[in-house]
Amino acid sequence: MASAHKHHEHEGADLIAAARRTLEDHGERWTGMRSEVFEELARHDRPASAYDIADNLSARRGSRVAPNSVYRILDIFVRNNLANRIESANAFLVNTHPGCRHDCVFLICDDCGAATHFDDDRLTKSLRQAGRDHGFSDVRPVVELRGLCSACA
């Protein structure tokens, strides 16, 4: 049986405040642009690409936002546990429990694109150990399961 983490899920203004605190606690600045990117990412209930975010911000601002600027910010968010990268889709999901560090197992629907996650400490601990057994250090499991969600099945 998978061991479960208890998270305090944030939303709305509380999510933005928690993200800001987490980023600043890690010695990073919470700039206006970072705030805009985070808020835009948080609006998405499915993984969003840097291009999606840049397009939406450009339309809202009335001036072009470069996707490579958004990528740099998203990389900061991933490093500081404010967002998760869905590797297979080259897209990102907001982390609704910033500051809670754990390894997620992502479930991604091949039909509608919905994504969710669960935690399985046994699985990710085994993957970390397998990496160490093969001479790797600082192992970070990235586990994605693709299939059909219950709504699409």
C-alpha atoms as a PDB file:
ATOM      1  CA  MET A   1       0.000   0.000   0.000  1.00  0.00           C
ATOM      2  CA  ALA A   2       1.330   3.434  -0.923  1.00  0.00           C
ATOM      3  CA  SER A   3       2.095   5.800   1.909  1.00  0.00           C
ATOM      4  CA  ALA A   4       0.206   9.033   1.574  1.00  0.00           C
ATOM      5  CA  HIS A   5       1.385  12.556   2.218  1.00  0.00           C
ATOM      6  CA  LYS A   6      -0.936  14.994   3.893  1.00  0.00           C
ATOM      7  CA  HIS A   7      -0.876  18.238   1.947  1.00  0.00           C
ATOM      8  CA  HIS A   8      -2.413  21.564   2.656  1.00  0.00           C
ATOM      9  CA  GLU A   9      -3.895  22.339  -0.744  1.00  0.00           C
ATOM     10  CA  HIS A  10      -3.961  26.048  -1.523  1.00  0.00           C
ATOM     11  CA  GLU A  11      -6.124  27.911  -4.021  1.00  0.00           C
ATOM     12  CA  GLY A  12      -6.761  31.460  -5.171  1.00  0.00           C
ATOM     13  CA  ALA A  13      -5.002  34.249  -3.293  1.00  0.00           C
ATOM     14  CA  ASP A  14      -3.826  31.749  -0.652  1.00  0.00           C
ATOM     15  CA  LEU A  15      -2.013  29.734  -3.344  1.00  0.00           C
ATOM     16  CA  ILE A  16      -0.288  32.840  -4.699  1.00  0.00           C
ATOM     17  CA  ALA A  17       0.754  33.923  -1.190  1.00  0.00           C
ATOM     18  CA  ALA A  18       2.103  30.431  -0.397  1.00  0.00           C
ATOM     19  CA  ALA A  19       4.036  30.380  -3.685  1.00  0.00           C
ATOM     20  CA  ARG A  20       5.518  33.787  -2.998  1.00  0.00           C
ATOM     21  CA  ARG A  21       6.584  32.783   0.541  1.00  0.00           C
ATOM     22  CA  THR A  22       8.153  29.574  -0.744  1.00  0.00           C
ATOM     23  CA  LEU A  23      10.077  31.344  -3.504  1.00  0.00           C
ATOM     24  CA  GLU A  24      11.325  34.076  -1.180  1.00  0.00           C
ATOM     25  CA  ASP A  25      12.256  31.480   1.482  1.00  0.00           C
ATOM     26  CA  HIS A  26      14.528  29.948  -1.169  1.00  0.00           C
ATOM     27  CA  GLY A  27      16.260  33.291  -1.718  1.00  0.00           C
ATOM     28  CA  GLU A  28      14.494  34.162  -4.982  1.00  0.00           C
ATOM     29  CA  ARG A  29      12.630  37.376  -5.739  1.00  0.00           C
ATOM     30  CA  TRP A  30       8.894  37.436  -6.468  1.00  0.00           C
ATOM     31  CA  THR A  31       8.780  39.881  -9.364  1.00  0.00           C
ATOM     32  CA  GLY A  32       5.758  41.214 -11.214  1.00  0.00           C
ATOM     33  CA  MET A  33       6.478  38.980 -14.205  1.00  0.00           C
ATOM     34  CA  ARG A  34       6.938  35.901 -12.015  1.00  0.00           C
ATOM     35  CA  SER A  35       3.638  36.692 -10.333  1.00  0.00           C
ATOM     36  CA  GLU A  36       1.889  37.003 -13.720  1.00  0.00           C
ATOM     37  CA  VAL A  37       3.350  33.711 -14.967  1.00  0.00           C
ATOM     38  CA  PHE A  38       2.381  31.907 -11.760  1.00  0.00           C
ATOM     39  CA  GLU A  39      -1.152  33.303 -11.806  1.00  0.00           C
ATOM     40  CA  GLU A  40      -1.554  32.301 -15.460  1.00  0.00           C
ATOM     41  CA  LEU A  41      -0.263  28.782 -14.778  1.00  0.00           C
ATOM     42  CA  ALA A  42      -2.640  28.490 -11.810  1.00  0.00           C
ATOM     43  CA  ARG A  43      -5.607  29.309 -14.103  1.00  0.00           C
ATOM     44  CA  HIS A  44      -5.007  26.087 -16.066  1.00  0.00           C
ATOM     45  CA  ASP A  45      -6.542  22.842 -14.883  1.00  0.00           C
ATOM     46  CA  ARG A  46      -4.488  20.895 -17.433  1.00  0.00           C
ATOM     47  CA  PRO A  47      -0.754  21.042 -18.158  1.00  0.00           C
ATOM     48  CA  ALA A  48       0.143  24.279 -19.946  1.00  0.00           C
ATOM     49  CA  SER A  49       3.119  24.959 -22.183  1.00  0.00           C
ATOM     50  CA  ALA A  50       5.342  28.021 -21.946  1.00  0.00           C
ATOM     51  CA  TYR A  51       3.888  29.037 -25.321  1.00  0.00           C
ATOM     52  CA  ASP A  52       0.312  28.835 -23.976  1.00  0.00           C
ATOM     53  CA  ILE A  53       1.283  30.996 -21.018  1.00  0.00           C
ATOM     54  CA  ALA A  54       3.224  33.497 -23.163  1.00  0.00           C
ATOM     55  CA  ASP A  55       0.311  33.807 -25.627  1.00  0.00           C
ATOM     56  CA  ASN A  56      -2.237  34.395 -22.868  1.00  0.00           C
ATOM     57  CA  LEU A  57      -0.034  36.938 -21.083  1.00  0.00           C
ATOM     58  CA  SER A  58       0.688  38.717 -24.392  1.00  0.00           C
ATOM     59  CA  ALA A  59      -3.041  39.012 -25.119  1.00  0.00           C
ATOM     60  CA  ARG A  60      -3.778  40.285 -21.605  1.00  0.00           C
ATOM     61  CA  ARG A  61      -0.897  42.796 -21.606  1.00  0.00           C
ATOM     62  CA  GLY A  62      -1.303  43.936 -25.202  1.00  0.00           C
ATOM     63  CA  SER A  63       2.428  43.405 -25.763  1.00  0.00           C
ATOM     64  CA  ARG A  64       4.474  40.356 -26.650  1.00  0.00           C
ATOM     65  CA  VAL A  65       5.795  38.122 -23.888  1.00  0.00           C
ATOM     66  CA  ALA A  66       8.633  35.904 -25.116  1.00  0.00           C
ATOM     67  CA  PRO A  67       8.186  32.162 -24.491  1.00  0.00           C
ATOM     68  CA  ASN A  68      11.884  31.827 -23.569  1.00  0.00           C
ATOM     69  CA  SER A  69      11.323  34.317 -20.709  1.00  0.00           C
ATOM     70  CA  VAL A  70       8.391  32.220 -19.544  1.00  0.00           C
ATOM     71  CA  TYR A  71      10.538  29.047 -19.761  1.00  0.00           C
ATOM     72  CA  ARG A  72      13.186  30.630 -17.516  1.00  0.00           C
ATOM     73  CA  ILE A  73      10.557  31.546 -14.936  1.00  0.00           C
ATOM     74  CA  LEU A  74       8.944  28.099 -15.105  1.00  0.00           C
ATOM     75  CA  ASP A  75      12.367  26.514 -14.546  1.00  0.00           C
ATOM     76  CA  ILE A  76      12.724  28.629 -11.383  1.00  0.00           C
ATOM     77  CA  PHE A  77       9.264  27.497 -10.294  1.00  0.00           C
ATOM     78  CA  VAL A  78      10.117  23.826 -10.855  1.00  0.00           C
ATOM     79  CA  ARG A  79      13.445  24.161  -8.997  1.00  0.00           C
ATOM     80  CA  ASN A  80      11.629  25.746  -6.067  1.00  0.00           C
ATOM     81  CA  ASN A  81       8.678  23.336  -6.045  1.00  0.00           C
ATOM     82  CA  LEU A  82       6.026  25.835  -7.192  1.00  0.00           C
ATOM     83  CA  ALA A  83       5.292  23.907 -10.391  1.00  0.00           C
ATOM     84  CA  ASN A  84       5.752  20.439 -11.803  1.00  0.00           C
ATOM     85  CA  ARG A  85       6.974  19.676 -15.282  1.00  0.00           C
ATOM     86  CA  ILE A  86       5.079  17.059 -17.241  1.00  0.00           C
ATOM     87  CA  GLU A  87       8.031  15.767 -19.245  1.00  0.00           C
ATOM     88  CA  SER A  88       6.081  13.813 -21.871  1.00  0.00           C
ATOM     89  CA  ALA A  89       3.997  16.871 -22.786  1.00  0.00           C
ATOM     90  CA  ASN A  90       6.693  19.550 -22.338  1.00  0.00           C
ATOM     91  CA  ALA A  91       4.147  21.320 -20.172  1.00  0.00           C
ATOM     92  CA  PHE A  92       3.723  22.461 -16.580  1.00  0.00           C
ATOM     93  CA  LEU A  93       1.225  22.164 -13.731  1.00  0.00           C
ATOM     94  CA  VAL A  94       1.033  24.462 -10.744  1.00  0.00           C
ATOM     95  CA  ASN A  95       1.910  22.809  -7.436  1.00  0.00           C
ATOM     96  CA  THR A  96      -1.054  23.527  -5.162  1.00  0.00           C
ATOM     97  CA  HIS A  97       1.023  22.755  -2.087  1.00  0.00           C
ATOM     98  CA  PRO A  98       4.180  24.880  -2.531  1.00  0.00           C
ATOM     99  CA  GLY A  99       7.010  24.018  -0.189  1.00  0.00           C
ATOM    100  CA  CYS A 100       5.908  20.397   0.237  1.00  0.00           C
ATOM    101  CA  ARG A 101       8.662  18.394  -1.403  1.00  0.00           C
ATOM    102  CA  HIS A 102       7.893  14.878  -2.576  1.00  0.00           C
ATOM    103  CA  ASP A 103       8.039  12.785  -5.704  1.00  0.00           C
ATOM    104  CA  CYS A 104       4.788  12.737  -7.656  1.00  0.00           C
ATOM    105  CA  VAL A 105       3.484   9.991  -9.892  1.00  0.00           C
ATOM    106  CA  PHE A 106       1.536  11.780 -12.620  1.00  0.00           C
ATOM    107  CA  LEU A 107      -1.497  10.355 -14.400  1.00  0.00           C
ATOM    108  CA  ILE A 108      -2.113  11.970 -17.796  1.00  0.00           C
ATOM    109  CA  CYS A 109      -5.160  11.341 -19.983  1.00  0.00           C
ATOM    110  CA  ASP A 110      -4.252  10.717 -23.616  1.00  0.00           C
ATOM    111  CA  ASP A 111      -7.698  11.896 -24.735  1.00  0.00           C
ATOM    112  CA  CYS A 112      -8.569  15.101 -22.858  1.00  0.00           C
ATOM    113  CA  GLY A 113      -5.138  15.980 -21.425  1.00  0.00           C
ATOM    114  CA  ALA A 114      -6.271  16.037 -17.793  1.00  0.00           C
ATOM    115  CA  ALA A 115      -3.471  15.423 -15.325  1.00  0.00           C
ATOM    116  CA  THR A 116      -3.409  14.562 -11.670  1.00  0.00           C
ATOM    117  CA  HIS A 117      -0.910  13.001  -9.316  1.00  0.00           C
ATOM    118  CA  PHE A 118      -0.558  10.678  -6.387  1.00  0.00           C
ATOM    119  CA  ASP A 119       2.324   9.864  -4.089  1.00  0.00           C
ATOM    120  CA  ASP A 120       3.818   6.408  -3.606  1.00  0.00           C
ATOM    121  CA  ASP A 121       6.847   6.609  -1.338  1.00  0.00           C
ATOM    122  CA  ARG A 122       7.682   2.909  -1.777  1.00  0.00           C
ATOM    123  CA  LEU A 123       7.874   3.265  -5.546  1.00  0.00           C
ATOM    124  CA  THR A 124       9.897   6.463  -5.618  1.00  0.00           C
ATOM    125  CA  LYS A 125      12.234   5.247  -2.844  1.00  0.00           C
ATOM    126  CA  SER A 126      12.888   2.100  -4.907  1.00  0.00           C
ATOM    127  CA  LEU A 127      13.579   4.190  -8.010  1.00  0.00           C
ATOM    128  CA  ARG A 128      15.992   6.439  -6.089  1.00  0.00           C
ATOM    129  CA  GLN A 129      17.807   3.380  -4.745  1.00  0.00           C
ATOM    130  CA  ALA A 130      18.006   1.802  -8.216  1.00  0.00           C
ATOM    131  CA  GLY A 131      19.603   5.014  -9.503  1.00  0.00           C
ATOM    132  CA  ARG A 132      22.149   4.993  -6.660  1.00  0.00           C
ATOM    133  CA  ASP A 133      22.838   1.287  -7.275  1.00  0.00           C
ATOM    134  CA  HIS A 134      23.775   2.245 -10.845  1.00  0.00           C
ATOM    135  CA  GLY A 135      26.174   4.966  -9.746  1.00  0.00           C
ATOM    136  CA  PHE A 136      23.922   8.014  -9.906  1.00  0.00           C
ATOM    137  CA  SER A 137      23.580  10.586  -7.157  1.00  0.00           C
ATOM    138  CA  ASP A 138      20.949  13.233  -6.595  1.00  0.00           C
ATOM    139  CA  VAL A 139      18.367  10.959  -8.232  1.00  0.00           C
ATOM    140  CA  ARG A 140      14.998  12.621  -8.885  1.00  0.00           C
ATOM    141  CA  PRO A 141      12.299  10.209 -10.045  1.00  0.00           C
ATOM    142  CA  VAL A 142      10.001  11.478 -12.787  1.00  0.00           C
ATOM    143  CA  VAL A 143       7.116   9.045 -13.171  1.00  0.00           C
ATOM    144  CA  GLU A 144       4.298   9.574 -15.662  1.00  0.00           C
ATOM    145  CA  LEU A 145       1.529   7.141 -16.419  1.00  0.00           C
ATOM    146  CA  ARG A 146      -0.510   7.745 -19.544  1.00  0.00           C
ATOM    147  CA  GLY A 147      -3.937   6.324 -20.235  1.00  0.00           C
ATOM    148  CA  LEU A 148      -7.580   7.367 -20.168  1.00  0.00           C
ATOM    149  CA  CYS A 149      -9.155   9.191 -17.233  1.00  0.00           C
ATOM    150  CA  SER A 150     -12.457   7.917 -15.880  1.00  0.00           C
ATOM    151  CA  ALA A 151     -14.404  10.565 -17.833  1.00  0.00           C
ATOM    152  CA  CYS A 152     -12.835   9.500 -21.159  1.00  0.00           C
ATOM    153  CA  ALA A 153     -12.694   5.725 -20.576  1.00  0.00           C
END
